[in-house]
N, C-alpha and C. Protein backbone atom coordinates (compact mmCIF):
# COMPACT_ATOMS: atom_id res chain seq x y z
N THR A 1 -0.76 11.71 14.45
CA THR A 1 -0.95 11.29 13.43
C THR A 1 0.50 10.97 12.67
N ARG A 2 1.57 11.57 12.56
CA ARG A 2 2.74 11.79 12.36
C ARG A 2 3.12 10.15 12.88
N ARG A 3 2.86 10.08 14.09
CA ARG A 3 3.56 8.60 14.73
C ARG A 3 2.88 7.68 13.62
N GLY A 4 1.59 7.48 13.30
CA GLY A 4 1.39 6.29 12.53
C GLY A 4 1.60 6.22 11.30
N ILE A 5 1.50 7.63 10.68
CA ILE A 5 3.04 7.30 8.83
C ILE A 5 4.03 6.93 9.44
N GLU A 6 4.31 7.50 10.18
CA GLU A 6 6.04 7.06 10.43
C GLU A 6 6.25 5.50 10.21
N TRP A 7 5.49 4.68 11.34
CA TRP A 7 4.74 2.93 11.41
C TRP A 7 4.79 2.89 10.14
N LEU A 8 3.48 3.39 9.22
CA LEU A 8 3.22 2.85 8.14
C LEU A 8 4.48 2.34 7.26
N LEU A 9 4.85 3.92 7.18
CA LEU A 9 5.89 3.84 6.20
C LEU A 9 6.88 3.21 6.13
N ALA A 10 7.21 2.69 7.68
CA ALA A 10 8.29 1.89 7.99
C ALA A 10 8.19 0.04 8.26
N GLU A 11 6.91 0.21 7.96
CA GLU A 11 6.30 -1.10 7.79
C GLU A 11 6.07 -1.94 6.62
N GLN A 12 6.76 -0.88 5.26
CA GLN A 12 6.05 -1.62 3.97
C GLN A 12 6.71 -2.16 3.37
N GLU A 13 6.69 -3.23 3.01
CA GLU A 13 8.23 -4.50 2.16
C GLU A 13 8.93 -4.02 1.36
N ALA A 14 9.84 -4.33 1.03
CA ALA A 14 10.94 -3.95 0.13
C ALA A 14 9.95 -3.75 -1.86
N CYS A 15 9.14 -4.53 -1.49
CA CYS A 15 8.33 -4.98 -2.84
C CYS A 15 7.79 -3.76 -3.41
N GLY A 16 7.56 -3.00 -2.38
CA GLY A 16 6.23 -1.79 -2.39
C GLY A 16 5.14 -2.50 -1.81
N ALA A 17 4.90 -3.63 -1.14
CA ALA A 17 3.74 -4.07 -0.48
C ALA A 17 3.73 -3.45 1.20
N TRP A 18 2.45 -3.05 2.14
CA TRP A 18 1.90 -4.17 2.35
C TRP A 18 1.33 -5.04 3.51
N PHE A 19 1.70 -6.07 4.17
CA PHE A 19 0.84 -7.44 4.65
C PHE A 19 -0.42 -7.33 4.82
N GLY A 20 -1.14 -7.45 4.98
CA GLY A 20 -2.45 -7.57 5.54
C GLY A 20 -2.75 -8.84 6.29
N ARG A 21 -2.34 -8.52 7.76
CA ARG A 21 -2.46 -9.24 9.02
C ARG A 21 -4.09 -9.64 9.33
N TRP A 22 -5.32 -8.66 8.70
CA TRP A 22 -6.27 -9.59 8.91
C TRP A 22 -6.19 -10.75 8.41
N GLY A 23 -6.26 -11.22 6.89
CA GLY A 23 -6.32 -11.67 5.42
C GLY A 23 -5.33 -11.86 5.07
N VAL A 24 -3.97 -12.00 5.49
CA VAL A 24 -2.93 -12.93 5.30
C VAL A 24 -2.89 -12.26 3.50
N ASN A 25 -2.94 -11.19 3.40
CA ASN A 25 -3.31 -10.72 1.99
C ASN A 25 -2.59 -9.39 1.97
N TYR A 26 -1.72 -9.54 1.29
CA TYR A 26 -1.08 -8.45 0.32
C TYR A 26 -1.48 -6.92 -0.51
N VAL A 27 -2.24 -7.48 -1.24
CA VAL A 27 -3.55 -6.49 -1.94
C VAL A 27 -4.57 -6.07 -0.91
N TYR A 28 -4.85 -6.65 -0.09
CA TYR A 28 -5.98 -5.87 0.93
C TYR A 28 -5.26 -5.17 1.53
N GLY A 29 -3.41 -5.53 2.57
CA GLY A 29 -3.02 -5.01 3.42
C GLY A 29 -2.31 -3.35 2.65
N THR A 30 -2.56 -3.61 1.01
CA THR A 30 -1.69 -2.36 0.17
C THR A 30 -2.84 -1.19 -0.13
N GLY A 31 -3.51 -2.48 -0.49
CA GLY A 31 -5.03 -0.96 -0.34
C GLY A 31 -5.84 -0.80 0.18
N SER A 32 -5.66 -0.51 1.63
CA SER A 32 -5.96 -0.45 2.51
C SER A 32 -4.91 1.31 2.95
N VAL A 33 -3.51 1.10 2.89
CA VAL A 33 -2.84 1.29 4.01
C VAL A 33 -2.19 2.61 2.63
N VAL A 34 -3.35 2.90 1.32
CA VAL A 34 -2.53 3.60 0.35
C VAL A 34 -3.84 5.18 0.54
N PRO A 35 -4.99 4.54 0.37
CA PRO A 35 -5.75 5.65 1.34
C PRO A 35 -5.86 5.91 2.51
N ALA A 36 -5.28 5.58 3.23
CA ALA A 36 -5.22 5.75 4.56
C ALA A 36 -4.18 7.03 4.33
N LEU A 37 -2.37 6.52 3.90
CA LEU A 37 -1.57 7.17 3.65
C LEU A 37 -2.39 8.90 3.18
N VAL A 38 -3.13 8.52 2.10
CA VAL A 38 -3.32 10.30 1.12
C VAL A 38 -4.08 10.55 2.39
N ALA A 39 -5.41 10.30 3.01
CA ALA A 39 -6.10 10.62 3.72
C ALA A 39 -5.05 11.95 5.15
N ALA A 40 -4.23 10.89 5.52
CA ALA A 40 -3.65 11.52 6.74
C ALA A 40 -3.03 12.59 5.86
N GLY A 41 -2.53 13.31 4.73
CA GLY A 41 -2.05 14.00 4.22
C GLY A 41 -0.57 13.74 3.15
N LEU A 42 -0.26 12.50 3.11
CA LEU A 42 0.51 12.45 2.51
C LEU A 42 0.14 12.31 0.64
N PRO A 43 1.15 13.30 -0.02
CA PRO A 43 0.44 12.99 -1.97
C PRO A 43 0.74 12.08 -2.01
N ALA A 44 -0.29 11.76 -3.52
CA ALA A 44 0.03 10.60 -4.54
C ALA A 44 1.25 10.36 -4.72
N ALA A 45 1.74 11.28 -5.22
CA ALA A 45 3.39 11.60 -5.44
C ALA A 45 4.55 10.46 -4.43
N HIS A 46 4.36 10.87 -3.54
CA HIS A 46 5.47 10.19 -2.64
C HIS A 46 5.50 8.51 -2.65
N PRO A 47 6.89 8.68 -2.55
CA PRO A 47 7.77 7.17 -2.76
C PRO A 47 6.59 6.05 -2.96
N SER A 48 6.75 5.86 -1.31
CA SER A 48 5.95 5.29 -0.71
C SER A 48 4.56 4.75 -1.29
N ILE A 49 4.00 5.59 -1.83
CA ILE A 49 2.58 5.42 -2.26
C ILE A 49 3.01 5.30 -3.58
N ARG A 50 3.83 5.75 -4.59
CA ARG A 50 4.08 5.30 -6.22
C ARG A 50 5.05 3.87 -5.71
N ARG A 51 5.37 3.44 -4.73
CA ARG A 51 5.82 1.85 -5.02
C ARG A 51 5.10 1.17 -4.89
N ALA A 52 3.71 1.35 -3.53
CA ALA A 52 2.28 0.48 -3.93
C ALA A 52 1.74 -0.09 -4.99
N VAL A 53 1.79 1.34 -5.73
CA VAL A 53 0.81 1.68 -6.99
C VAL A 53 1.37 0.50 -8.08
N THR A 54 2.93 0.55 -7.62
CA THR A 54 3.26 -0.30 -8.78
C THR A 54 3.38 -1.28 -7.89
N TRP A 55 3.68 -1.58 -7.16
CA TRP A 55 3.06 -2.88 -7.25
C TRP A 55 1.99 -3.94 -6.98
N LEU A 56 1.26 -3.18 -7.14
CA LEU A 56 -0.47 -2.98 -7.39
C LEU A 56 -0.60 -3.80 -9.07
N GLU A 57 0.11 -2.85 -9.50
CA GLU A 57 -0.06 -3.37 -10.65
C GLU A 57 0.36 -4.41 -11.07
N SER A 58 1.61 -4.63 -10.76
CA SER A 58 2.62 -5.48 -11.28
C SER A 58 1.71 -6.93 -10.44
N VAL A 59 0.83 -6.49 -9.99
CA VAL A 59 0.02 -8.26 -9.62
C VAL A 59 -1.55 -8.59 -10.02
N GLN A 60 -2.26 -7.37 -10.59
CA GLN A 60 -2.75 -7.15 -11.40
C GLN A 60 -3.47 -7.95 -12.52
N ASN A 61 -4.42 -8.86 -11.79
CA ASN A 61 -4.91 -10.13 -13.23
C ASN A 61 -5.17 -8.82 -14.45
N ASP A 62 -5.03 -10.36 -16.06
CA ASP A 62 -5.09 -9.13 -17.02
C ASP A 62 -6.93 -8.71 -16.90
N ASP A 63 -7.96 -9.12 -16.36
CA ASP A 63 -9.51 -9.12 -15.94
C ASP A 63 -9.38 -7.86 -15.48
N GLY A 64 -8.45 -7.20 -14.34
CA GLY A 64 -8.60 -5.59 -13.99
C GLY A 64 -8.53 -6.18 -12.27
N GLY A 65 -9.03 -7.75 -11.98
CA GLY A 65 -8.93 -7.33 -10.89
C GLY A 65 -8.08 -8.30 -9.72
N TRP A 66 -7.58 -8.60 -8.55
CA TRP A 66 -6.93 -9.03 -7.57
C TRP A 66 -7.29 -10.63 -7.52
N GLY A 67 -7.83 -10.95 -7.45
CA GLY A 67 -8.23 -13.06 -7.36
C GLY A 67 -8.48 -13.90 -8.36
């Protein structure tokens, strides 16, 4: 688990997002990695998670969606 967490943290983009390889969509990638990190034991206040949430909020549409 530790190596997986380390890999995910190292793969985070400078903007705070993660690349979604299966759909070439950063929202999907980030939206999958954040709950995985929390499930693996990282606190929600972890800097990488906070950066990801900030990024998600920055790209969210006015209607609350991302599409």
